[in-house]
């Protein structure tokens, strides 16, 4: 029995020291892992931050470029018929969208949905306005009617999408 107590006197402190070392080493390893994870996240943010910022910029530019005020001024030429302007405007919106569609990867799902809604709403209004035009209408007549109907509508989906873009950008980058 005495030999058992002597062995216990030696083994118990050694076991406690080993357990203490185990906890200390585990804590150091966990801190190292957490530090590495933070470094990886920081590098990922460093890489994706410029791409996300560019996505916000490009989608803002897209929404501004497809607004009827800007589209019609940019695309309307003297001597165009309403049909030619309509075709040109629809084509321009689709081209602008196709050029920027990859930006959805960097945007929130709801924000991307608002941008899609703004584009589709605009195309619907453009097509509806064109359907109301006479066959021999000029591009000026069509532009005036489209601008009039667009500005008189209660809901401006492009403005809503732009506001949401700015709010989302403010969340991530603390803009005023």
N, C-alpha and C. Protein backbone atom coordinates (compact mmCIF):
# COMPACT_ATOMS: atom_id res chain seq x y z
N UNK A 1 0.82 -1.19 0.00
CA UNK A 1 0.00 0.00 0.00
C UNK A 1 0.87 1.26 0.00
N UNK A 2 1.98 1.20 0.79
CA UNK A 2 2.85 2.36 0.82
C UNK A 2 3.51 2.61 -0.52
N UNK A 3 3.83 1.58 -1.23
CA UNK A 3 4.45 1.76 -2.54
C UNK A 3 3.45 2.37 -3.53
N UNK A 4 2.18 2.00 -3.37
CA UNK A 4 1.14 2.59 -4.21
C UNK A 4 1.02 4.09 -3.95
N UNK A 5 1.08 4.47 -2.67
CA UNK A 5 1.01 5.89 -2.31
C UNK A 5 2.23 6.65 -2.84
N UNK A 6 3.40 6.02 -2.79
CA UNK A 6 4.61 6.65 -3.30
C UNK A 6 4.51 6.86 -4.82
N UNK A 7 4.01 5.85 -5.52
CA UNK A 7 3.83 5.98 -6.97
C UNK A 7 2.79 7.05 -7.28
N UNK A 8 1.72 7.06 -6.51
CA UNK A 8 0.66 8.06 -6.70
C UNK A 8 1.19 9.48 -6.47
N UNK A 9 2.11 9.64 -5.47
CA UNK A 9 2.71 10.94 -5.19
C UNK A 9 3.53 11.44 -6.39
N UNK A 10 4.10 10.51 -7.13
CA UNK A 10 4.91 10.89 -8.29
C UNK A 10 4.04 11.05 -9.54
N UNK A 11 3.13 10.13 -9.75
CA UNK A 11 2.32 10.11 -10.97
C UNK A 11 1.29 11.24 -10.98
N UNK A 12 0.64 11.50 -9.88
CA UNK A 12 -0.42 12.53 -9.83
C UNK A 12 0.12 13.91 -10.18
N UNK A 13 1.21 14.39 -9.58
CA UNK A 13 1.73 15.70 -10.00
C UNK A 13 2.18 15.71 -11.47
N UNK A 14 2.76 14.61 -11.89
CA UNK A 14 3.19 14.54 -13.29
C UNK A 14 1.99 14.61 -14.22
N UNK A 15 0.91 13.92 -13.86
CA UNK A 15 -0.31 13.94 -14.68
C UNK A 15 -0.90 15.35 -14.71
N UNK A 16 -0.89 16.02 -13.57
CA UNK A 16 -1.40 17.40 -13.52
C UNK A 16 -0.55 18.33 -14.37
N UNK A 17 0.75 18.17 -14.32
CA UNK A 17 1.64 18.99 -15.15
C UNK A 17 1.39 18.71 -16.63
N UNK A 18 1.26 17.44 -17.00
CA UNK A 18 0.98 17.08 -18.39
C UNK A 18 -0.36 17.65 -18.85
N UNK A 19 -1.36 17.56 -17.99
CA UNK A 19 -2.68 18.11 -18.34
C UNK A 19 -2.60 19.62 -18.52
N UNK A 20 -1.88 20.28 -17.64
CA UNK A 20 -1.70 21.74 -17.76
C UNK A 20 -0.99 22.11 -19.06
N UNK A 21 0.01 21.34 -19.40
CA UNK A 21 0.74 21.60 -20.66
C UNK A 21 -0.17 21.35 -21.86
N UNK A 22 -0.98 20.30 -21.78
CA UNK A 22 -1.92 20.00 -22.85
C UNK A 22 -2.87 21.17 -23.08
N UNK A 23 -3.42 21.71 -22.01
CA UNK A 23 -4.34 22.85 -22.11
C UNK A 23 -3.62 24.07 -22.67
N UNK A 24 -2.41 24.33 -22.20
CA UNK A 24 -1.65 25.48 -22.69
C UNK A 24 -1.34 25.35 -24.17
N UNK A 25 -0.93 24.16 -24.61
CA UNK A 25 -0.61 23.95 -26.02
C UNK A 25 -1.86 24.05 -26.87
N UNK A 26 -2.96 23.46 -26.39
CA UNK A 26 -4.22 23.54 -27.14
C UNK A 26 -4.68 24.99 -27.29
N UNK A 27 -4.55 25.78 -26.24
CA UNK A 27 -4.92 27.19 -26.30
C UNK A 27 -4.05 27.94 -27.32
N UNK A 28 -2.76 27.65 -27.33
CA UNK A 28 -1.86 28.32 -28.28
C UNK A 28 -2.20 27.93 -29.72
N UNK A 29 -2.49 26.65 -29.93
CA UNK A 29 -2.85 26.19 -31.27
C UNK A 29 -4.16 26.83 -31.73
N UNK A 30 -5.15 26.90 -30.84
CA UNK A 30 -6.43 27.53 -31.19
C UNK A 30 -6.25 29.01 -31.52
N UNK A 31 -5.42 29.70 -30.74
CA UNK A 31 -5.15 31.11 -31.03
C UNK A 31 -4.48 31.26 -32.38
N UNK A 32 -3.56 30.35 -32.68
CA UNK A 32 -2.88 30.38 -33.98
C UNK A 32 -3.86 30.15 -35.12
N UNK A 33 -4.78 29.21 -34.94
CA UNK A 33 -5.78 28.94 -35.97
C UNK A 33 -6.71 30.13 -36.16
N UNK A 34 -7.14 30.72 -35.06
CA UNK A 34 -8.01 31.89 -35.15
C UNK A 34 -7.28 33.03 -35.85
N UNK A 35 -6.01 33.20 -35.52
CA UNK A 35 -5.21 34.25 -36.16
C UNK A 35 -5.10 34.00 -37.66
N UNK A 36 -4.86 32.75 -38.04
CA UNK A 36 -4.76 32.40 -39.47
C UNK A 36 -6.09 32.64 -40.18
N UNK A 37 -7.20 32.26 -39.52
CA UNK A 37 -8.52 32.48 -40.12
C UNK A 37 -8.79 33.96 -40.31
N UNK A 38 -8.42 34.77 -39.34
CA UNK A 38 -8.60 36.22 -39.47
C UNK A 38 -7.75 36.78 -40.60
N UNK A 39 -6.53 36.27 -40.73
CA UNK A 39 -5.66 36.71 -41.83
C UNK A 39 -6.26 36.34 -43.17
N UNK A 40 -6.79 35.13 -43.27
CA UNK A 40 -7.42 34.69 -44.53
C UNK A 40 -8.63 35.56 -44.85
N UNK A 41 -9.46 35.85 -43.84
CA UNK A 41 -10.63 36.71 -44.07
C UNK A 41 -10.20 38.11 -44.48
N UNK A 42 -9.17 38.62 -43.83
CA UNK A 42 -8.69 39.96 -44.17
C UNK A 42 -8.18 40.02 -45.60
N UNK A 43 -7.46 38.98 -46.02
CA UNK A 43 -6.96 38.94 -47.40
C UNK A 43 -8.11 38.79 -48.39
N UNK A 44 -9.11 38.01 -48.02
CA UNK A 44 -10.28 37.84 -48.90
C UNK A 44 -11.01 39.17 -49.05
N UNK A 45 -11.16 39.89 -47.96
CA UNK A 45 -11.81 41.21 -48.03
C UNK A 45 -10.97 42.17 -48.85
N UNK A 46 -9.66 42.10 -48.68
CA UNK A 46 -8.75 42.96 -49.43
C UNK A 46 -8.88 42.71 -50.93
N UNK A 47 -9.11 41.46 -51.30
CA UNK A 47 -9.24 41.11 -52.71
C UNK A 47 -10.63 41.44 -53.24
N UNK A 48 -11.67 41.12 -52.46
CA UNK A 48 -13.05 41.32 -52.95
C UNK A 48 -13.56 42.74 -52.78
N UNK A 49 -12.99 43.50 -51.88
CA UNK A 49 -13.47 44.87 -51.65
C UNK A 49 -13.45 45.71 -52.93
N UNK A 50 -12.35 45.75 -53.67
CA UNK A 50 -12.38 46.53 -54.91
C UNK A 50 -13.40 46.01 -55.93
N UNK A 51 -13.56 44.69 -56.00
CA UNK A 51 -14.53 44.12 -56.93
C UNK A 51 -15.95 44.48 -56.52
N UNK A 52 -16.24 44.42 -55.22
CA UNK A 52 -17.59 44.81 -54.75
C UNK A 52 -17.84 46.29 -55.02
N UNK A 53 -16.84 47.10 -54.74
CA UNK A 53 -16.99 48.54 -54.98
C UNK A 53 -17.25 48.80 -56.46
N UNK A 54 -16.51 48.11 -57.32
CA UNK A 54 -16.71 48.26 -58.76
C UNK A 54 -18.11 47.81 -59.17
N UNK A 55 -18.61 46.75 -58.55
CA UNK A 55 -19.97 46.28 -58.85
C UNK A 55 -21.00 47.34 -58.49
N UNK A 56 -20.84 47.97 -57.34
CA UNK A 56 -21.75 49.05 -56.96
C UNK A 56 -21.66 50.20 -57.95
N UNK A 57 -20.45 50.55 -58.34
CA UNK A 57 -20.27 51.64 -59.30
C UNK A 57 -20.90 51.30 -60.65
N UNK A 58 -20.64 50.10 -61.12
CA UNK A 58 -21.14 49.71 -62.44
C UNK A 58 -22.66 49.60 -62.45
N UNK A 59 -23.25 49.11 -61.38
CA UNK A 59 -24.71 49.01 -61.36
C UNK A 59 -25.36 50.38 -61.21
N UNK A 60 -24.71 51.28 -60.50
CA UNK A 60 -25.20 52.66 -60.45
C UNK A 60 -25.14 53.27 -61.83
N UNK A 61 -24.04 53.08 -62.51
CA UNK A 61 -23.91 53.59 -63.87
C UNK A 61 -24.94 52.96 -64.80
N UNK A 62 -25.15 51.66 -64.67
CA UNK A 62 -26.16 50.96 -65.48
C UNK A 62 -27.53 51.60 -65.28
N UNK A 63 -27.94 51.78 -64.03
CA UNK A 63 -29.26 52.35 -63.75
C UNK A 63 -29.37 53.78 -64.27
N UNK A 64 -28.30 54.54 -64.13
CA UNK A 64 -28.32 55.91 -64.65
C UNK A 64 -28.40 55.92 -66.18
N UNK A 65 -27.66 55.02 -66.82
CA UNK A 65 -27.65 54.98 -68.28
C UNK A 65 -28.96 54.52 -68.88
N UNK A 66 -29.72 53.67 -68.15
CA UNK A 66 -30.99 53.20 -68.71
C UNK A 66 -32.17 54.06 -68.31
N UNK A 67 -31.95 55.09 -67.50
CA UNK A 67 -33.07 55.97 -67.16
C UNK A 67 -33.53 56.65 -68.45
N UNK A 68 -34.83 56.76 -68.64
CA UNK A 68 -35.36 57.32 -69.90
C UNK A 68 -34.78 58.69 -70.26
N UNK A 69 -34.58 59.53 -69.27
CA UNK A 69 -34.03 60.86 -69.55
C UNK A 69 -32.68 60.75 -70.24
N UNK A 70 -31.83 59.88 -69.74
CA UNK A 70 -30.50 59.72 -70.32
C UNK A 70 -30.52 58.93 -71.63
N UNK A 71 -31.31 57.89 -71.66
CA UNK A 71 -31.40 57.06 -72.87
C UNK A 71 -31.86 57.86 -74.08
N UNK A 72 -32.95 58.57 -73.88
CA UNK A 72 -33.56 59.27 -75.01
C UNK A 72 -32.68 60.40 -75.53
N UNK A 73 -32.03 61.09 -74.64
CA UNK A 73 -31.13 62.16 -75.06
C UNK A 73 -29.93 61.58 -75.82
N UNK A 74 -29.42 60.47 -75.33
CA UNK A 74 -28.23 59.86 -75.92
C UNK A 74 -28.52 59.17 -77.25
N UNK A 75 -29.70 58.56 -77.40
CA UNK A 75 -29.96 57.72 -78.56
C UNK A 75 -30.81 58.36 -79.66
N UNK A 76 -31.57 59.38 -79.32
CA UNK A 76 -32.46 59.99 -80.30
C UNK A 76 -31.67 60.83 -81.30
N UNK A 77 -31.88 60.54 -82.57
CA UNK A 77 -31.24 61.32 -83.64
C UNK A 77 -32.32 61.91 -84.54
N UNK A 78 -31.98 62.99 -85.20
CA UNK A 78 -32.93 63.62 -86.11
C UNK A 78 -33.35 62.65 -87.21
N UNK A 79 -34.61 62.66 -87.53
CA UNK A 79 -35.12 61.87 -88.63
C UNK A 79 -35.47 60.43 -88.27
N UNK A 80 -35.32 60.05 -87.02
CA UNK A 80 -35.67 58.69 -86.61
C UNK A 80 -37.18 58.58 -86.46
N UNK A 81 -37.71 57.41 -86.76
CA UNK A 81 -39.12 57.16 -86.50
C UNK A 81 -39.26 56.66 -85.06
N UNK A 82 -40.49 56.63 -84.59
CA UNK A 82 -40.74 56.13 -83.24
C UNK A 82 -40.30 54.66 -83.14
N UNK A 83 -40.55 53.90 -84.19
CA UNK A 83 -40.18 52.49 -84.21
C UNK A 83 -38.67 52.29 -84.13
N UNK A 84 -37.93 53.13 -84.85
CA UNK A 84 -36.47 53.03 -84.81
C UNK A 84 -35.93 53.37 -83.43
N UNK A 85 -36.49 54.43 -82.85
CA UNK A 85 -36.04 54.82 -81.51
C UNK A 85 -36.40 53.73 -80.50
N UNK A 86 -37.59 53.21 -80.60
CA UNK A 86 -38.01 52.13 -79.70
C UNK A 86 -37.06 50.95 -79.80
N UNK A 87 -36.78 50.52 -80.99
CA UNK A 87 -35.86 49.39 -81.19
C UNK A 87 -34.47 49.71 -80.63
N UNK A 88 -33.98 50.89 -80.88
CA UNK A 88 -32.65 51.30 -80.41
C UNK A 88 -32.61 51.34 -78.88
N UNK A 89 -33.65 51.88 -78.27
CA UNK A 89 -33.70 51.98 -76.81
C UNK A 89 -33.74 50.59 -76.17
N UNK A 90 -34.59 49.72 -76.68
CA UNK A 90 -34.69 48.36 -76.13
C UNK A 90 -33.36 47.63 -76.29
N UNK A 91 -32.76 47.77 -77.44
CA UNK A 91 -31.47 47.12 -77.69
C UNK A 91 -30.39 47.66 -76.75
N UNK A 92 -30.38 48.95 -76.54
CA UNK A 92 -29.39 49.57 -75.65
C UNK A 92 -29.54 49.08 -74.22
N UNK A 93 -30.78 48.97 -73.74
CA UNK A 93 -31.02 48.48 -72.38
C UNK A 93 -30.52 47.04 -72.25
N UNK A 94 -30.84 46.22 -73.23
CA UNK A 94 -30.39 44.83 -73.18
C UNK A 94 -28.87 44.71 -73.26
N UNK A 95 -28.25 45.53 -74.09
CA UNK A 95 -26.79 45.51 -74.19
C UNK A 95 -26.14 45.95 -72.88
N UNK A 96 -26.66 47.02 -72.30
CA UNK A 96 -26.13 47.52 -71.02
C UNK A 96 -26.27 46.44 -69.95
N UNK A 97 -27.43 45.80 -69.92
CA UNK A 97 -27.66 44.76 -68.92
C UNK A 97 -26.70 43.58 -69.13
N UNK A 98 -26.60 43.12 -70.36
CA UNK A 98 -25.72 41.98 -70.65
C UNK A 98 -24.26 42.30 -70.32
N UNK A 99 -23.89 43.54 -70.49
CA UNK A 99 -22.52 43.97 -70.19
C UNK A 99 -22.24 43.93 -68.68
N UNK A 100 -23.29 44.10 -67.87
CA UNK A 100 -23.12 44.21 -66.43
C UNK A 100 -23.69 43.03 -65.63
N UNK A 101 -24.19 42.02 -66.29
CA UNK A 101 -24.88 40.94 -65.60
C UNK A 101 -23.98 40.20 -64.60
N UNK A 102 -22.71 40.13 -64.85
CA UNK A 102 -21.80 39.41 -63.94
C UNK A 102 -21.64 40.11 -62.60
N UNK A 103 -22.04 41.35 -62.51
CA UNK A 103 -21.88 42.09 -61.25
C UNK A 103 -22.79 41.54 -60.15
N UNK A 104 -23.78 40.74 -60.53
CA UNK A 104 -24.69 40.19 -59.53
C UNK A 104 -23.96 39.33 -58.50
N UNK A 105 -22.81 38.81 -58.87
CA UNK A 105 -22.02 37.97 -57.97
C UNK A 105 -21.64 38.75 -56.71
N UNK A 106 -21.43 40.05 -56.85
CA UNK A 106 -20.95 40.87 -55.74
C UNK A 106 -22.06 41.61 -55.02
N UNK A 107 -23.30 41.45 -55.46
CA UNK A 107 -24.41 42.18 -54.87
C UNK A 107 -25.33 41.27 -54.08
N UNK A 108 -25.99 41.85 -53.12
CA UNK A 108 -26.98 41.15 -52.33
C UNK A 108 -28.12 40.67 -53.24
N UNK A 109 -28.70 39.52 -52.94
CA UNK A 109 -29.75 38.93 -53.78
C UNK A 109 -30.95 39.87 -53.93
N UNK A 110 -31.36 40.50 -52.85
CA UNK A 110 -32.51 41.40 -52.90
C UNK A 110 -32.19 42.65 -53.73
N UNK A 111 -30.99 43.13 -53.61
CA UNK A 111 -30.58 44.29 -54.39
C UNK A 111 -30.56 43.96 -55.88
N UNK A 112 -30.02 42.80 -56.22
CA UNK A 112 -30.00 42.38 -57.62
C UNK A 112 -31.43 42.23 -58.14
N UNK A 113 -32.31 41.73 -57.31
CA UNK A 113 -33.71 41.58 -57.70
C UNK A 113 -34.34 42.95 -57.99
N UNK A 114 -34.00 43.95 -57.20
CA UNK A 114 -34.52 45.30 -57.43
C UNK A 114 -34.00 45.86 -58.75
N UNK A 115 -32.75 45.58 -59.07
CA UNK A 115 -32.18 46.06 -60.33
C UNK A 115 -32.87 45.38 -61.50
N UNK A 116 -33.10 44.08 -61.39
CA UNK A 116 -33.83 43.36 -62.44
C UNK A 116 -35.24 43.92 -62.60
N UNK A 117 -35.90 44.19 -61.49
CA UNK A 117 -37.25 44.75 -61.53
C UNK A 117 -37.24 46.10 -62.21
N UNK A 118 -36.26 46.92 -61.91
CA UNK A 118 -36.16 48.25 -62.53
C UNK A 118 -36.01 48.12 -64.05
N UNK A 119 -35.15 47.21 -64.48
CA UNK A 119 -34.95 47.00 -65.92
C UNK A 119 -36.22 46.50 -66.58
N UNK A 120 -36.84 45.49 -65.99
CA UNK A 120 -38.05 44.90 -66.57
C UNK A 120 -39.21 45.89 -66.57
N UNK A 121 -39.34 46.66 -65.50
CA UNK A 121 -40.39 47.68 -65.43
C UNK A 121 -40.19 48.72 -66.52
N UNK A 122 -38.96 49.14 -66.72
CA UNK A 122 -38.68 50.12 -67.76
C UNK A 122 -39.00 49.56 -69.14
N UNK A 123 -38.59 48.33 -69.41
CA UNK A 123 -38.89 47.72 -70.71
C UNK A 123 -40.40 47.59 -70.93
N UNK A 124 -41.12 47.25 -69.89
CA UNK A 124 -42.58 47.14 -69.98
C UNK A 124 -43.18 48.50 -70.33
N UNK A 125 -42.73 49.54 -69.66
CA UNK A 125 -43.24 50.89 -69.94
C UNK A 125 -42.87 51.35 -71.35
N UNK A 126 -41.67 51.05 -71.75
CA UNK A 126 -41.22 51.44 -73.10
C UNK A 126 -42.08 50.76 -74.15
N UNK A 127 -42.31 49.48 -73.97
CA UNK A 127 -43.12 48.73 -74.94
C UNK A 127 -44.58 49.18 -74.92
N UNK A 128 -45.13 49.43 -73.74
CA UNK A 128 -46.52 49.88 -73.64
C UNK A 128 -46.69 51.24 -74.29
N UNK A 129 -45.76 52.13 -74.07
CA UNK A 129 -45.83 53.46 -74.68
C UNK A 129 -45.73 53.35 -76.20
N UNK A 130 -44.87 52.50 -76.67
CA UNK A 130 -44.73 52.33 -78.12
C UNK A 130 -46.02 51.78 -78.74
N UNK A 131 -46.67 50.89 -78.04
CA UNK A 131 -47.93 50.31 -78.55
C UNK A 131 -49.01 51.38 -78.70
N UNK A 132 -48.94 52.43 -77.93
CA UNK A 132 -49.93 53.51 -77.99
C UNK A 132 -49.64 54.52 -79.10
N UNK A 133 -48.48 54.43 -79.71
CA UNK A 133 -48.07 55.42 -80.73
C UNK A 133 -48.68 55.10 -82.09
N UNK A 134 -48.86 56.16 -82.87
CA UNK A 134 -49.29 55.99 -84.26
C UNK A 134 -48.14 55.41 -85.06
N UNK A 135 -48.46 54.77 -86.15
CA UNK A 135 -47.45 54.14 -87.01
C UNK A 135 -46.49 55.18 -87.57
N UNK A 136 -46.98 56.37 -87.88
CA UNK A 136 -46.14 57.39 -88.50
C UNK A 136 -45.55 58.39 -87.49
N UNK A 137 -45.55 58.04 -86.21
CA UNK A 137 -45.03 58.94 -85.17
C UNK A 137 -43.51 59.09 -85.30
N UNK A 138 -43.04 60.26 -84.94
CA UNK A 138 -41.59 60.52 -84.97
C UNK A 138 -40.95 60.12 -83.64
N UNK A 139 -39.65 60.07 -83.65
CA UNK A 139 -38.93 59.72 -82.42
C UNK A 139 -39.15 60.79 -81.35
N UNK A 140 -39.31 62.03 -81.77
CA UNK A 140 -39.56 63.12 -80.81
C UNK A 140 -40.90 62.90 -80.11
N UNK A 141 -41.93 62.54 -80.88
CA UNK A 141 -43.25 62.26 -80.30
C UNK A 141 -43.16 61.12 -79.28
N UNK A 142 -42.47 60.08 -79.68
CA UNK A 142 -42.32 58.91 -78.81
C UNK A 142 -41.54 59.28 -77.54
N UNK A 143 -40.47 60.02 -77.70
CA UNK A 143 -39.65 60.42 -76.55
C UNK A 143 -40.46 61.28 -75.59
N UNK A 144 -41.22 62.23 -76.10
CA UNK A 144 -42.05 63.10 -75.25
C UNK A 144 -43.08 62.27 -74.48
N UNK A 145 -43.74 61.37 -75.18
CA UNK A 145 -44.77 60.55 -74.54
C UNK A 145 -44.15 59.64 -73.48
N UNK A 146 -43.05 59.02 -73.80
CA UNK A 146 -42.40 58.13 -72.85
C UNK A 146 -41.93 58.89 -71.61
N UNK A 147 -41.32 60.03 -71.81
CA UNK A 147 -40.87 60.83 -70.66
C UNK A 147 -42.04 61.31 -69.83
N UNK A 148 -43.11 61.72 -70.50
CA UNK A 148 -44.30 62.18 -69.79
C UNK A 148 -44.90 61.06 -68.94
N UNK A 149 -45.05 59.89 -69.52
CA UNK A 149 -45.63 58.78 -68.77
C UNK A 149 -44.70 58.29 -67.67
N UNK A 150 -43.43 58.28 -67.94
CA UNK A 150 -42.48 57.80 -66.94
C UNK A 150 -42.40 58.76 -65.76
N UNK A 151 -42.40 60.05 -66.03
CA UNK A 151 -42.28 61.02 -64.93
C UNK A 151 -43.59 61.15 -64.15
N UNK A 152 -44.71 60.82 -64.76
CA UNK A 152 -45.98 60.95 -64.06
C UNK A 152 -46.32 59.70 -63.23
N UNK A 153 -45.57 58.64 -63.39
CA UNK A 153 -45.88 57.42 -62.63
C UNK A 153 -45.49 57.60 -61.17
N UNK A 154 -46.23 56.96 -60.31
CA UNK A 154 -46.00 57.10 -58.88
C UNK A 154 -44.76 56.33 -58.42
N UNK A 155 -44.50 55.20 -59.05
CA UNK A 155 -43.37 54.36 -58.65
C UNK A 155 -42.27 54.45 -59.71
N UNK A 156 -41.10 54.86 -59.28
CA UNK A 156 -39.95 54.92 -60.17
C UNK A 156 -38.97 53.84 -59.71
N UNK A 157 -39.04 52.69 -60.36
CA UNK A 157 -38.24 51.55 -59.91
C UNK A 157 -36.74 51.79 -60.06
N UNK A 158 -36.35 52.62 -61.01
CA UNK A 158 -34.92 52.93 -61.16
C UNK A 158 -34.44 53.73 -59.95
N UNK A 159 -35.23 54.70 -59.53
CA UNK A 159 -34.85 55.48 -58.34
C UNK A 159 -34.83 54.62 -57.09
N UNK A 160 -35.80 53.71 -56.98
CA UNK A 160 -35.81 52.79 -55.83
C UNK A 160 -34.56 51.92 -55.81
N UNK A 161 -34.18 51.41 -56.98
CA UNK A 161 -32.99 50.56 -57.06
C UNK A 161 -31.73 51.38 -56.75
N UNK A 162 -31.67 52.61 -57.25
CA UNK A 162 -30.51 53.46 -56.95
C UNK A 162 -30.42 53.77 -55.46
N UNK A 163 -31.55 54.06 -54.85
CA UNK A 163 -31.57 54.33 -53.41
C UNK A 163 -31.13 53.10 -52.63
N UNK A 164 -31.60 51.94 -53.03
CA UNK A 164 -31.21 50.70 -52.36
C UNK A 164 -29.72 50.42 -52.54
N UNK A 165 -29.20 50.70 -53.74
CA UNK A 165 -27.76 50.54 -53.99
C UNK A 165 -26.96 51.42 -53.03
N UNK A 166 -27.37 52.66 -52.90
CA UNK A 166 -26.64 53.59 -52.02
C UNK A 166 -26.75 53.16 -50.56
N UNK A 167 -27.93 52.69 -50.15
CA UNK A 167 -28.10 52.22 -48.78
C UNK A 167 -27.23 51.00 -48.51
N UNK A 168 -27.21 50.06 -49.44
CA UNK A 168 -26.40 48.86 -49.30
C UNK A 168 -24.91 49.23 -49.25
N UNK A 169 -24.51 50.11 -50.09
CA UNK A 169 -23.12 50.58 -50.09
C UNK A 169 -22.79 51.23 -48.76
N UNK A 170 -23.72 52.00 -48.22
CA UNK A 170 -23.51 52.65 -46.93
C UNK A 170 -23.35 51.66 -45.79
N UNK A 171 -24.05 50.53 -45.86
CA UNK A 171 -23.92 49.50 -44.83
C UNK A 171 -22.50 48.93 -44.79
N UNK A 172 -21.95 48.71 -45.97
CA UNK A 172 -20.64 48.09 -46.04
C UNK A 172 -19.49 49.07 -45.87
N UNK A 173 -19.68 50.29 -46.31
CA UNK A 173 -18.56 51.22 -46.37
C UNK A 173 -18.79 52.49 -45.57
N UNK A 174 -19.84 52.53 -44.81
CA UNK A 174 -20.13 53.66 -43.90
C UNK A 174 -20.06 55.01 -44.60
N UNK A 175 -20.81 55.12 -45.68
CA UNK A 175 -20.87 56.39 -46.40
C UNK A 175 -21.94 57.26 -45.79
N UNK A 176 -21.82 58.57 -45.91
CA UNK A 176 -22.83 59.47 -45.34
C UNK A 176 -24.15 59.38 -46.07
